[in-house]
Amino acid sequence: MGADFGKKRDYSVVAVTETRGGHKYLRHLHRFPLETPYGAVIGYMKRLQDHWSIVRAIYADKTGVGDYIVEDMVRGGLRHVTGVNFTDTSKEAMATALRENMRRADCPSCGWSGYIEDIEGEWRTTCPEDCHYDDGRPVGLRPLLHIPYDPELFAELNVERYELSKSGKILFNHPEGTHDDRFWALALSVYAAEMSPPPASRPTGKTIG
């Protein structure tokens, strides 16, 4: 679970990702109205935790809010909470995890795994090993990150910009009048799943990260 907290200018957003069979599935994404109290957001997350029962990790943005938001979450009954300060380094790590999960795919037929871009930079949609179904149709690749159709989320994924600073760090920003709260909530959720994978010995069952 990832939580990007905002209040007056930015929105609070909660994202929930399920990890299953090496794939990640965005199962829930909710943006709260401006001025929503942090306590209401925490209570909402507690209901989600109670609904899914297994929440392996919660990564929450504590930038500008401080450690007390994590303490409030723990007091509210949330488990496995990690507070994240948004720095150039942490944002690069989270955005990289999100990008890699969007760029990688596998073939459900032969098990091929790799990037969706070929060496010419073109995007693959079918298995490069030329797998076909019995009816002759080519087997389509499955992205490692599955995102339901959500035009508002897609808009935020496309609006985020980055540039390389003189120090070699990647800096992120978005145009004036746009928002990237959904982007960072999803990135937090995917990063939480990356940093807290399910035990290898667990053959079945859902893991929410």
N, C-alpha and C. Protein backbone atom coordinates (compact mmCIF):
# COMPACT_ATOMS: atom_id res chain seq x y z
N MET A 1 0.85 -1.18 0.00
CA MET A 1 0.00 0.00 0.00
C MET A 1 0.90 1.24 0.00
N GLY A 2 0.54 2.22 -0.82
CA GLY A 2 1.29 3.47 -0.86
C GLY A 2 0.36 4.63 -0.57
N ALA A 3 0.85 5.59 0.21
CA ALA A 3 0.04 6.75 0.56
C ALA A 3 0.83 8.03 0.33
N ASP A 4 0.33 8.87 -0.55
CA ASP A 4 0.92 10.18 -0.80
C ASP A 4 0.02 11.22 -0.14
N PHE A 5 0.53 11.85 0.92
CA PHE A 5 -0.29 12.76 1.70
C PHE A 5 -0.23 14.19 1.16
N GLY A 6 -1.39 14.82 1.11
CA GLY A 6 -1.51 16.22 0.75
C GLY A 6 -2.69 16.80 1.51
N LYS A 7 -2.89 18.12 1.37
CA LYS A 7 -4.02 18.70 2.09
C LYS A 7 -4.61 19.93 1.39
N LYS A 8 -3.83 21.01 1.30
CA LYS A 8 -4.38 22.25 0.77
C LYS A 8 -4.19 22.38 -0.74
N ARG A 9 -2.97 22.16 -1.24
CA ARG A 9 -2.69 22.30 -2.67
C ARG A 9 -2.63 20.95 -3.38
N ASP A 10 -2.10 19.94 -2.69
CA ASP A 10 -2.00 18.60 -3.25
C ASP A 10 -3.02 17.67 -2.60
N TYR A 11 -3.37 16.62 -3.32
CA TYR A 11 -4.35 15.66 -2.83
C TYR A 11 -3.67 14.52 -2.09
N SER A 12 -4.39 13.93 -1.17
CA SER A 12 -3.96 12.66 -0.58
C SER A 12 -4.48 11.53 -1.46
N VAL A 13 -3.60 10.57 -1.75
CA VAL A 13 -3.97 9.45 -2.61
C VAL A 13 -3.45 8.17 -1.99
N VAL A 14 -4.27 7.12 -2.02
CA VAL A 14 -3.88 5.80 -1.53
C VAL A 14 -3.95 4.82 -2.68
N ALA A 15 -2.89 4.03 -2.84
CA ALA A 15 -2.84 3.00 -3.89
C ALA A 15 -2.53 1.66 -3.25
N VAL A 16 -3.16 0.61 -3.76
CA VAL A 16 -2.94 -0.74 -3.25
C VAL A 16 -2.56 -1.65 -4.41
N THR A 17 -1.45 -2.34 -4.27
CA THR A 17 -0.95 -3.24 -5.30
C THR A 17 -0.88 -4.66 -4.76
N GLU A 18 -1.41 -5.59 -5.53
CA GLU A 18 -1.32 -7.01 -5.18
C GLU A 18 -0.18 -7.65 -5.94
N THR A 19 0.66 -8.41 -5.23
CA THR A 19 1.75 -9.15 -5.85
C THR A 19 1.35 -10.61 -5.97
N ARG A 20 1.45 -11.14 -7.20
CA ARG A 20 1.05 -12.53 -7.41
C ARG A 20 1.79 -13.09 -8.62
N GLY A 21 2.52 -14.18 -8.40
CA GLY A 21 3.19 -14.85 -9.49
C GLY A 21 4.19 -13.99 -10.23
N GLY A 22 4.88 -13.11 -9.52
CA GLY A 22 5.87 -12.24 -10.16
C GLY A 22 5.27 -11.02 -10.83
N HIS A 23 3.95 -10.89 -10.79
CA HIS A 23 3.28 -9.74 -11.39
C HIS A 23 2.68 -8.87 -10.29
N LYS A 24 2.48 -7.60 -10.61
CA LYS A 24 1.85 -6.67 -9.68
C LYS A 24 0.58 -6.13 -10.32
N TYR A 25 -0.48 -6.07 -9.51
CA TYR A 25 -1.79 -5.65 -10.00
C TYR A 25 -2.27 -4.48 -9.15
N LEU A 26 -2.53 -3.36 -9.80
CA LEU A 26 -3.11 -2.22 -9.08
C LEU A 26 -4.57 -2.56 -8.79
N ARG A 27 -4.87 -2.79 -7.52
CA ARG A 27 -6.22 -3.22 -7.13
C ARG A 27 -7.10 -2.08 -6.64
N HIS A 28 -6.47 -0.99 -6.20
CA HIS A 28 -7.28 0.09 -5.63
C HIS A 28 -6.50 1.39 -5.72
N LEU A 29 -7.18 2.46 -6.11
CA LEU A 29 -6.58 3.79 -6.16
C LEU A 29 -7.65 4.80 -5.81
N HIS A 30 -7.40 5.59 -4.78
CA HIS A 30 -8.41 6.55 -4.33
C HIS A 30 -7.77 7.89 -4.03
N ARG A 31 -8.32 8.96 -4.62
CA ARG A 31 -7.87 10.32 -4.33
C ARG A 31 -8.91 11.02 -3.48
N PHE A 32 -8.46 11.59 -2.38
CA PHE A 32 -9.36 12.28 -1.45
C PHE A 32 -9.52 13.74 -1.86
N PRO A 33 -10.65 14.36 -1.51
CA PRO A 33 -10.81 15.80 -1.77
C PRO A 33 -9.76 16.61 -1.01
N LEU A 34 -9.47 17.80 -1.52
CA LEU A 34 -8.57 18.70 -0.80
C LEU A 34 -9.15 18.99 0.59
N GLU A 35 -8.25 19.23 1.53
CA GLU A 35 -8.60 19.55 2.92
C GLU A 35 -9.09 18.33 3.70
N THR A 36 -8.99 17.13 3.13
CA THR A 36 -9.37 15.95 3.90
C THR A 36 -8.39 15.76 5.05
N PRO A 37 -8.85 15.64 6.29
CA PRO A 37 -7.93 15.46 7.43
C PRO A 37 -7.11 14.19 7.29
N TYR A 38 -5.88 14.25 7.78
CA TYR A 38 -5.02 13.07 7.71
C TYR A 38 -5.64 11.89 8.45
N GLY A 39 -6.36 12.18 9.54
CA GLY A 39 -6.99 11.11 10.31
C GLY A 39 -8.00 10.33 9.48
N ALA A 40 -8.72 11.03 8.61
CA ALA A 40 -9.69 10.35 7.75
C ALA A 40 -8.99 9.45 6.74
N VAL A 41 -7.83 9.90 6.23
CA VAL A 41 -7.07 9.08 5.29
C VAL A 41 -6.54 7.83 5.99
N ILE A 42 -6.04 8.02 7.21
CA ILE A 42 -5.53 6.88 7.97
C ILE A 42 -6.65 5.89 8.27
N GLY A 43 -7.81 6.39 8.64
CA GLY A 43 -8.95 5.51 8.90
C GLY A 43 -9.36 4.73 7.67
N TYR A 44 -9.30 5.37 6.51
CA TYR A 44 -9.61 4.70 5.25
C TYR A 44 -8.62 3.57 4.99
N MET A 45 -7.35 3.83 5.24
CA MET A 45 -6.32 2.82 5.04
C MET A 45 -6.51 1.66 6.01
N LYS A 46 -6.95 1.96 7.23
CA LYS A 46 -7.20 0.89 8.21
C LYS A 46 -8.33 -0.01 7.72
N ARG A 47 -9.36 0.56 7.11
CA ARG A 47 -10.45 -0.25 6.57
C ARG A 47 -9.95 -1.13 5.43
N LEU A 48 -9.07 -0.60 4.59
CA LEU A 48 -8.51 -1.40 3.51
C LEU A 48 -7.68 -2.55 4.08
N GLN A 49 -6.88 -2.26 5.10
CA GLN A 49 -6.07 -3.31 5.73
C GLN A 49 -6.96 -4.40 6.31
N ASP A 50 -8.03 -4.01 6.97
CA ASP A 50 -8.93 -4.99 7.57
C ASP A 50 -9.63 -5.81 6.48
N HIS A 51 -9.91 -5.18 5.33
CA HIS A 51 -10.61 -5.88 4.24
C HIS A 51 -9.72 -6.94 3.62
N TRP A 52 -8.44 -6.60 3.38
CA TRP A 52 -7.55 -7.54 2.71
C TRP A 52 -6.83 -8.48 3.67
N SER A 53 -6.77 -8.13 4.90
CA SER A 53 -6.20 -8.94 6.00
C SER A 53 -4.68 -9.10 5.93
N ILE A 54 -4.10 -9.26 4.73
CA ILE A 54 -2.65 -9.38 4.62
C ILE A 54 -2.10 -8.16 3.89
N VAL A 55 -1.51 -7.26 4.64
CA VAL A 55 -0.85 -6.10 4.06
C VAL A 55 0.61 -6.20 4.45
N ARG A 56 1.45 -6.52 3.49
CA ARG A 56 2.84 -6.80 3.80
C ARG A 56 3.64 -5.54 4.10
N ALA A 57 3.27 -4.42 3.47
CA ALA A 57 4.03 -3.19 3.68
C ALA A 57 3.18 -1.98 3.32
N ILE A 58 3.34 -0.92 4.10
CA ILE A 58 2.70 0.36 3.81
C ILE A 58 3.81 1.40 3.76
N TYR A 59 3.99 2.03 2.61
CA TYR A 59 4.98 3.10 2.45
C TYR A 59 4.22 4.42 2.34
N ALA A 60 4.53 5.33 3.24
CA ALA A 60 3.79 6.58 3.33
C ALA A 60 4.72 7.78 3.20
N ASP A 61 4.31 8.74 2.39
CA ASP A 61 5.05 9.98 2.23
C ASP A 61 4.94 10.80 3.52
N LYS A 62 6.07 11.11 4.12
CA LYS A 62 6.06 11.93 5.33
C LYS A 62 6.74 13.28 5.09
N THR A 63 6.98 13.62 3.83
CA THR A 63 7.63 14.89 3.50
C THR A 63 6.74 16.05 3.93
N GLY A 64 7.29 16.96 4.69
CA GLY A 64 6.54 18.12 5.14
C GLY A 64 5.56 17.84 6.25
N VAL A 65 5.36 16.58 6.57
CA VAL A 65 4.44 16.20 7.64
C VAL A 65 5.20 15.75 8.87
N GLY A 66 6.26 14.99 8.65
CA GLY A 66 7.09 14.56 9.76
C GLY A 66 6.76 13.16 10.24
N ASP A 67 7.55 12.71 11.21
CA ASP A 67 7.38 11.34 11.72
C ASP A 67 6.05 11.13 12.42
N TYR A 68 5.41 12.21 12.84
CA TYR A 68 4.18 12.02 13.62
C TYR A 68 3.10 11.35 12.78
N ILE A 69 3.13 11.54 11.45
CA ILE A 69 2.11 10.90 10.62
C ILE A 69 2.26 9.38 10.67
N VAL A 70 3.52 8.91 10.70
CA VAL A 70 3.77 7.47 10.82
C VAL A 70 3.33 6.98 12.19
N GLU A 71 3.60 7.77 13.23
CA GLU A 71 3.19 7.40 14.59
C GLU A 71 1.67 7.33 14.68
N ASP A 72 0.97 8.27 14.02
CA ASP A 72 -0.49 8.24 14.02
C ASP A 72 -1.02 7.00 13.30
N MET A 73 -0.36 6.63 12.22
CA MET A 73 -0.78 5.44 11.48
C MET A 73 -0.62 4.19 12.33
N VAL A 74 0.48 4.09 13.03
CA VAL A 74 0.71 2.93 13.90
C VAL A 74 -0.30 2.92 15.04
N ARG A 75 -0.53 4.08 15.65
CA ARG A 75 -1.53 4.15 16.73
C ARG A 75 -2.92 3.81 16.21
N GLY A 76 -3.17 4.09 14.93
CA GLY A 76 -4.48 3.79 14.35
C GLY A 76 -4.65 2.32 13.98
N GLY A 77 -3.62 1.52 14.19
CA GLY A 77 -3.73 0.08 13.95
C GLY A 77 -3.12 -0.40 12.65
N LEU A 78 -2.48 0.50 11.89
CA LEU A 78 -1.83 0.07 10.65
C LEU A 78 -0.51 -0.62 10.97
N ARG A 79 -0.21 -1.66 10.19
CA ARG A 79 0.98 -2.48 10.43
C ARG A 79 1.99 -2.34 9.30
N HIS A 80 3.25 -2.58 9.63
CA HIS A 80 4.34 -2.60 8.65
C HIS A 80 4.44 -1.26 7.91
N VAL A 81 4.39 -0.17 8.68
CA VAL A 81 4.43 1.17 8.10
C VAL A 81 5.87 1.67 8.00
N THR A 82 6.21 2.20 6.84
CA THR A 82 7.51 2.83 6.62
C THR A 82 7.29 4.24 6.11
N GLY A 83 7.85 5.21 6.81
CA GLY A 83 7.76 6.60 6.37
C GLY A 83 8.85 6.91 5.36
N VAL A 84 8.50 7.62 4.30
CA VAL A 84 9.45 7.94 3.24
C VAL A 84 9.52 9.45 3.06
N ASN A 85 10.72 10.01 3.21
CA ASN A 85 10.94 11.41 2.87
C ASN A 85 11.21 11.50 1.37
N PHE A 86 10.48 12.37 0.69
CA PHE A 86 10.69 12.54 -0.74
C PHE A 86 11.94 13.39 -0.97
N THR A 87 13.02 12.73 -1.31
CA THR A 87 14.26 13.40 -1.69
C THR A 87 14.55 13.05 -3.15
N ASP A 88 15.54 13.70 -3.74
CA ASP A 88 15.90 13.36 -5.11
C ASP A 88 16.25 11.88 -5.23
N THR A 89 16.95 11.35 -4.21
CA THR A 89 17.38 9.96 -4.24
C THR A 89 16.21 9.00 -4.10
N SER A 90 15.32 9.26 -3.13
CA SER A 90 14.19 8.35 -2.90
C SER A 90 13.19 8.41 -4.06
N LYS A 91 12.98 9.59 -4.61
CA LYS A 91 12.05 9.71 -5.74
C LYS A 91 12.58 8.98 -6.97
N GLU A 92 13.89 9.05 -7.18
CA GLU A 92 14.47 8.32 -8.30
C GLU A 92 14.31 6.82 -8.12
N ALA A 93 14.51 6.33 -6.88
CA ALA A 93 14.37 4.90 -6.60
C ALA A 93 12.94 4.44 -6.83
N MET A 94 11.97 5.22 -6.37
CA MET A 94 10.57 4.84 -6.54
C MET A 94 10.13 4.91 -7.99
N ALA A 95 10.52 5.98 -8.68
CA ALA A 95 10.14 6.13 -10.08
C ALA A 95 10.80 5.05 -10.94
N THR A 96 12.03 4.67 -10.59
CA THR A 96 12.72 3.61 -11.33
C THR A 96 12.00 2.28 -11.15
N ALA A 97 11.58 1.97 -9.91
CA ALA A 97 10.83 0.73 -9.66
C ALA A 97 9.54 0.71 -10.48
N LEU A 98 8.85 1.85 -10.52
CA LEU A 98 7.61 1.93 -11.30
C LEU A 98 7.89 1.75 -12.78
N ARG A 99 8.92 2.43 -13.30
CA ARG A 99 9.26 2.34 -14.72
C ARG A 99 9.64 0.92 -15.12
N GLU A 100 10.47 0.27 -14.30
CA GLU A 100 10.93 -1.07 -14.64
C GLU A 100 9.77 -2.07 -14.68
N ASN A 101 8.83 -1.91 -13.77
CA ASN A 101 7.67 -2.81 -13.76
C ASN A 101 6.73 -2.54 -14.94
N MET A 102 6.77 -1.33 -15.47
CA MET A 102 5.96 -1.02 -16.64
C MET A 102 6.67 -1.43 -17.93
N ARG A 103 7.99 -1.48 -17.92
CA ARG A 103 8.76 -1.80 -19.13
C ARG A 103 8.96 -3.29 -19.32
N ARG A 104 8.91 -4.06 -18.25
CA ARG A 104 9.18 -5.49 -18.34
C ARG A 104 7.87 -6.27 -18.55
N ALA A 105 7.99 -7.40 -19.25
CA ALA A 105 6.83 -8.24 -19.54
C ALA A 105 7.30 -9.67 -19.68
N ASP A 106 6.34 -10.60 -19.69
CA ASP A 106 6.70 -11.99 -19.93
C ASP A 106 5.66 -12.64 -20.84
N CYS A 107 6.01 -13.82 -21.32
CA CYS A 107 5.12 -14.58 -22.19
C CYS A 107 4.45 -15.68 -21.37
N PRO A 108 3.12 -15.75 -21.35
CA PRO A 108 2.44 -16.79 -20.57
C PRO A 108 2.60 -18.18 -21.17
N SER A 109 3.12 -18.27 -22.39
CA SER A 109 3.27 -19.56 -23.04
C SER A 109 4.64 -20.18 -22.82
N CYS A 110 5.70 -19.47 -23.19
CA CYS A 110 7.05 -20.05 -23.10
C CYS A 110 7.85 -19.55 -21.91
N GLY A 111 7.35 -18.51 -21.24
CA GLY A 111 8.05 -18.00 -20.09
C GLY A 111 9.10 -16.95 -20.40
N TRP A 112 9.21 -16.53 -21.67
CA TRP A 112 10.16 -15.46 -22.02
C TRP A 112 9.90 -14.25 -21.14
N SER A 113 10.98 -13.59 -20.69
CA SER A 113 10.85 -12.39 -19.87
C SER A 113 11.88 -11.37 -20.32
N GLY A 114 11.45 -10.14 -20.43
CA GLY A 114 12.38 -9.09 -20.86
C GLY A 114 11.66 -7.77 -21.02
N TYR A 115 12.33 -6.84 -21.69
CA TYR A 115 11.77 -5.51 -21.90
C TYR A 115 10.83 -5.50 -23.11
N ILE A 116 9.83 -4.65 -23.05
CA ILE A 116 8.88 -4.58 -24.14
C ILE A 116 9.47 -3.86 -25.35
N GLU A 117 10.60 -3.12 -25.16
CA GLU A 117 11.25 -2.49 -26.31
C GLU A 117 12.23 -3.48 -26.95
N ASP A 118 12.28 -3.47 -28.28
CA ASP A 118 13.29 -4.27 -28.95
C ASP A 118 14.54 -3.41 -29.15
N ILE A 119 15.54 -3.95 -29.83
CA ILE A 119 16.81 -3.23 -29.96
C ILE A 119 16.67 -1.96 -30.81
N GLU A 120 15.62 -1.87 -31.62
CA GLU A 120 15.38 -0.65 -32.40
C GLU A 120 14.54 0.37 -31.64
N GLY A 121 14.15 0.02 -30.42
CA GLY A 121 13.34 0.94 -29.63
C GLY A 121 11.86 0.83 -29.87
N GLU A 122 11.45 -0.13 -30.71
CA GLU A 122 10.02 -0.35 -30.96
C GLU A 122 9.43 -1.21 -29.85
N TRP A 123 8.15 -0.97 -29.53
CA TRP A 123 7.50 -1.72 -28.46
C TRP A 123 6.99 -3.06 -28.98
N ARG A 124 7.31 -4.11 -28.22
CA ARG A 124 6.78 -5.44 -28.54
C ARG A 124 5.38 -5.58 -27.91
N THR A 125 4.51 -6.27 -28.62
CA THR A 125 3.20 -6.62 -28.05
C THR A 125 3.00 -8.13 -28.03
N THR A 126 3.79 -8.84 -28.82
CA THR A 126 3.68 -10.30 -28.87
C THR A 126 5.03 -10.93 -28.54
N CYS A 127 5.00 -12.21 -28.23
CA CYS A 127 6.21 -12.91 -27.79
C CYS A 127 7.27 -12.91 -28.89
N PRO A 128 8.51 -12.50 -28.56
CA PRO A 128 9.59 -12.51 -29.56
C PRO A 128 10.03 -13.92 -29.95
N GLU A 129 9.60 -14.92 -29.17
CA GLU A 129 9.91 -16.31 -29.52
C GLU A 129 8.89 -16.89 -30.50
N ASP A 130 8.00 -16.03 -30.99
CA ASP A 130 7.01 -16.42 -32.02
C ASP A 130 6.02 -17.47 -31.51
N CYS A 131 5.62 -17.35 -30.26
CA CYS A 131 4.61 -18.26 -29.70
C CYS A 131 3.24 -17.95 -30.30
N HIS A 132 2.47 -19.00 -30.54
CA HIS A 132 1.12 -18.85 -31.07
C HIS A 132 0.16 -19.77 -30.31
N TYR A 133 -1.09 -19.34 -30.24
CA TYR A 133 -2.15 -20.18 -29.69
C TYR A 133 -2.53 -21.23 -30.72
N ASP A 134 -3.33 -22.19 -30.30
CA ASP A 134 -3.74 -23.27 -31.21
C ASP A 134 -4.51 -22.75 -32.42
N ASP A 135 -5.19 -21.60 -32.24
CA ASP A 135 -5.96 -21.07 -33.37
C ASP A 135 -5.11 -20.19 -34.28
N GLY A 136 -3.81 -20.13 -34.00
CA GLY A 136 -2.92 -19.38 -34.88
C GLY A 136 -2.63 -17.96 -34.44
N ARG A 137 -3.34 -17.46 -33.43
CA ARG A 137 -3.10 -16.10 -32.97
C ARG A 137 -1.77 -16.01 -32.23
N PRO A 138 -1.00 -14.93 -32.43
CA PRO A 138 0.24 -14.77 -31.67
C PRO A 138 -0.05 -14.52 -30.20
N VAL A 139 0.81 -15.04 -29.34
CA VAL A 139 0.64 -14.88 -27.89
C VAL A 139 1.11 -13.49 -27.49
N GLY A 140 0.24 -12.75 -26.81
CA GLY A 140 0.57 -11.40 -26.36
C GLY A 140 1.39 -11.43 -25.08
N LEU A 141 2.27 -10.45 -24.94
CA LEU A 141 3.08 -10.32 -23.73
C LEU A 141 2.24 -9.76 -22.59
N ARG A 142 2.59 -10.15 -21.36
CA ARG A 142 1.92 -9.65 -20.16
C ARG A 142 2.86 -8.71 -19.44
N PRO A 143 2.49 -7.44 -19.23
CA PRO A 143 3.35 -6.53 -18.46
C PRO A 143 3.42 -6.99 -17.01
N LEU A 144 4.54 -6.71 -16.36
CA LEU A 144 4.66 -7.09 -14.95
C LEU A 144 3.78 -6.25 -14.05
N LEU A 145 3.42 -5.03 -14.50
CA LEU A 145 2.52 -4.18 -13.74
C LEU A 145 1.21 -4.04 -14.52
N HIS A 146 0.12 -4.49 -13.91
CA HIS A 146 -1.20 -4.45 -14.55
C HIS A 146 -1.99 -3.28 -13.97
N ILE A 147 -2.39 -2.36 -14.84
CA ILE A 147 -3.11 -1.16 -14.40
C ILE A 147 -4.46 -1.11 -15.10
N PRO A 148 -5.56 -1.10 -14.36
CA PRO A 148 -6.88 -0.97 -15.01
C PRO A 148 -6.99 0.37 -15.75
N TYR A 149 -7.89 0.42 -16.71
CA TYR A 149 -8.06 1.66 -17.47
C TYR A 149 -8.54 2.77 -16.55
N ASP A 150 -7.73 3.81 -16.43
CA ASP A 150 -8.03 4.96 -15.58
C ASP A 150 -7.43 6.18 -16.26
N PRO A 151 -8.23 6.94 -17.02
CA PRO A 151 -7.67 8.06 -17.78
C PRO A 151 -6.98 9.11 -16.91
N GLU A 152 -7.47 9.33 -15.69
CA GLU A 152 -6.84 10.32 -14.83
C GLU A 152 -5.46 9.85 -14.36
N LEU A 153 -5.34 8.56 -14.05
CA LEU A 153 -4.04 8.02 -13.68
C LEU A 153 -3.10 8.05 -14.87
N PHE A 154 -3.58 7.65 -16.04
CA PHE A 154 -2.74 7.65 -17.23
C PHE A 154 -2.23 9.06 -17.53
N ALA A 155 -3.10 10.05 -17.32
CA ALA A 155 -2.69 11.43 -17.56
C ALA A 155 -1.54 11.82 -16.63
N GLU A 156 -1.61 11.41 -15.38
CA GLU A 156 -0.54 11.74 -14.43
C GLU A 156 0.74 10.97 -14.75
N LEU A 157 0.60 9.75 -15.21
CA LEU A 157 1.79 8.98 -15.59
C LEU A 157 2.51 9.64 -16.76
N ASN A 158 1.74 10.28 -17.64
CA ASN A 158 2.32 10.92 -18.82
C ASN A 158 2.79 12.35 -18.58
N VAL A 159 2.28 12.99 -17.52
CA VAL A 159 2.60 14.40 -17.30
C VAL A 159 3.90 14.59 -16.54
N GLU A 160 4.33 13.55 -15.82
CA GLU A 160 5.54 13.70 -15.00
C GLU A 160 6.76 13.90 -15.89
N ARG A 161 7.59 14.87 -15.51
CA ARG A 161 8.79 15.19 -16.27
C ARG A 161 10.03 14.93 -15.41
N TYR A 162 11.14 14.73 -16.07
CA TYR A 162 12.39 14.56 -15.33
C TYR A 162 13.53 15.21 -16.11
N GLU A 163 14.54 15.60 -15.38
CA GLU A 163 15.73 16.18 -15.99
C GLU A 163 16.94 15.77 -15.17
N LEU A 164 18.08 15.74 -15.82
CA LEU A 164 19.32 15.36 -15.16
C LEU A 164 20.01 16.61 -14.65
N SER A 165 20.29 16.63 -13.34
CA SER A 165 20.94 17.79 -12.74
C SER A 165 22.45 17.73 -12.95
N LYS A 166 23.14 18.82 -12.62
CA LYS A 166 24.59 18.88 -12.76
C LYS A 166 25.28 17.85 -11.87
N SER A 167 24.62 17.50 -10.75
CA SER A 167 25.21 16.53 -9.82
C SER A 167 24.99 15.09 -10.27
N GLY A 168 24.25 14.91 -11.35
CA GLY A 168 23.98 13.56 -11.84
C GLY A 168 22.69 12.96 -11.32
N LYS A 169 21.97 13.70 -10.48
CA LYS A 169 20.70 13.20 -9.95
C LYS A 169 19.57 13.52 -10.92
N ILE A 170 18.54 12.67 -10.90
CA ILE A 170 17.36 12.90 -11.72
C ILE A 170 16.34 13.68 -10.91
N LEU A 171 15.89 14.80 -11.44
CA LEU A 171 14.92 15.66 -10.77
C LEU A 171 13.56 15.51 -11.45
N PHE A 172 12.51 15.41 -10.64
CA PHE A 172 11.16 15.21 -11.16
C PHE A 172 10.32 16.46 -10.93
N ASN A 173 9.42 16.74 -11.87
CA ASN A 173 8.51 17.87 -11.73
C ASN A 173 7.32 17.64 -12.65
N HIS A 174 6.33 18.48 -12.51
CA HIS A 174 5.16 18.41 -13.38
C HIS A 174 4.73 19.83 -13.71
N PRO A 175 4.09 20.03 -14.87
CA PRO A 175 3.73 21.38 -15.29
C PRO A 175 2.76 22.06 -14.32
N GLU A 176 2.83 23.37 -14.29
CA GLU A 176 1.92 24.15 -13.46
C GLU A 176 0.48 23.84 -13.85
N GLY A 177 -0.35 23.66 -12.84
CA GLY A 177 -1.76 23.38 -13.09
C GLY A 177 -2.09 21.91 -13.21
N THR A 178 -1.08 21.05 -13.11
CA THR A 178 -1.30 19.61 -13.16
C THR A 178 -0.97 19.00 -11.80
N HIS A 179 -1.27 17.73 -11.63
CA HIS A 179 -1.00 17.03 -10.38
C HIS A 179 -0.29 15.71 -10.67
N ASP A 180 0.49 15.26 -9.70
CA ASP A 180 1.17 13.96 -9.83
C ASP A 180 0.99 13.11 -8.58
N ASP A 181 -0.07 13.36 -7.82
CA ASP A 181 -0.29 12.64 -6.56
C ASP A 181 -0.60 11.16 -6.81
N ARG A 182 -1.38 10.87 -7.85
CA ARG A 182 -1.65 9.47 -8.20
C ARG A 182 -0.36 8.77 -8.62
N PHE A 183 0.45 9.49 -9.39
CA PHE A 183 1.73 8.93 -9.84
C PHE A 183 2.57 8.47 -8.66
N TRP A 184 2.72 9.33 -7.65
CA TRP A 184 3.60 9.00 -6.53
C TRP A 184 2.97 7.98 -5.59
N ALA A 185 1.65 7.97 -5.46
CA ALA A 185 1.01 6.93 -4.64
C ALA A 185 1.23 5.56 -5.27
N LEU A 186 1.09 5.48 -6.59
CA LEU A 186 1.34 4.22 -7.28
C LEU A 186 2.81 3.83 -7.17
N ALA A 187 3.71 4.81 -7.33
CA ALA A 187 5.14 4.52 -7.21
C ALA A 187 5.48 4.02 -5.80
N LEU A 188 4.88 4.63 -4.78
CA LEU A 188 5.10 4.17 -3.40
C LEU A 188 4.62 2.73 -3.22
N SER A 189 3.46 2.43 -3.80
CA SER A 189 2.90 1.09 -3.65
C SER A 189 3.77 0.05 -4.34
N VAL A 190 4.21 0.35 -5.56
CA VAL A 190 5.07 -0.58 -6.29
C VAL A 190 6.41 -0.74 -5.58
N TYR A 191 6.94 0.36 -5.07
CA TYR A 191 8.22 0.31 -4.35
C TYR A 191 8.08 -0.52 -3.08
N ALA A 192 6.95 -0.37 -2.39
CA ALA A 192 6.70 -1.17 -1.18
C ALA A 192 6.67 -2.65 -1.53
N ALA A 193 6.05 -2.99 -2.65
CA ALA A 193 6.00 -4.39 -3.09
C ALA A 193 7.38 -4.90 -3.46
N GLU A 194 8.21 -4.03 -4.06
CA GLU A 194 9.57 -4.43 -4.43
C GLU A 194 10.43 -4.67 -3.19
N MET A 195 10.26 -3.83 -2.20
CA MET A 195 11.09 -3.90 -1.01
C MET A 195 10.61 -4.93 0.00
N SER A 196 9.36 -5.40 -0.14
CA SER A 196 8.80 -6.38 0.79
C SER A 196 8.14 -7.51 0.01
N PRO A 197 8.93 -8.29 -0.72
CA PRO A 197 8.34 -9.37 -1.53
C PRO A 197 7.79 -10.48 -0.67
N PRO A 198 6.83 -11.25 -1.19
CA PRO A 198 6.28 -12.38 -0.43
C PRO A 198 7.34 -13.46 -0.28
N PRO A 199 7.26 -14.27 0.78
CA PRO A 199 8.22 -15.37 0.95
C PRO A 199 8.20 -16.31 -0.24
N ALA A 200 9.38 -16.76 -0.65
CA ALA A 200 9.48 -17.64 -1.80
C ALA A 200 8.78 -18.97 -1.57
N SER A 201 8.67 -19.38 -0.30
CA SER A 201 8.08 -20.67 0.01
C SER A 201 6.56 -20.64 0.01
N ARG A 202 5.98 -19.44 -0.11
CA ARG A 202 4.53 -19.34 -0.07
C ARG A 202 3.97 -19.56 -1.47
N PRO A 203 3.34 -20.71 -1.74
CA PRO A 203 2.93 -21.02 -3.11
C PRO A 203 1.68 -20.31 -3.58
N THR A 204 0.76 -20.00 -2.67
CA THR A 204 -0.52 -19.41 -3.08
C THR A 204 -0.89 -18.30 -2.12
N GLY A 205 -1.97 -17.59 -2.46
CA GLY A 205 -2.49 -16.56 -1.59
C GLY A 205 -2.10 -15.19 -2.07
N LYS A 206 -2.86 -14.21 -1.67
CA LYS A 206 -2.64 -12.83 -2.10
C LYS A 206 -1.68 -12.13 -1.14
N THR A 207 -0.88 -11.27 -1.71
CA THR A 207 -0.02 -10.40 -0.92
C THR A 207 -0.26 -8.99 -1.37
N ILE A 208 -0.68 -8.15 -0.46
CA ILE A 208 -0.94 -6.76 -0.79
C ILE A 208 0.25 -5.93 -0.34
N GLY A 209 0.84 -5.16 -1.26
CA GLY A 209 2.00 -4.36 -0.94
C GLY A 209 1.83 -2.93 -1.39
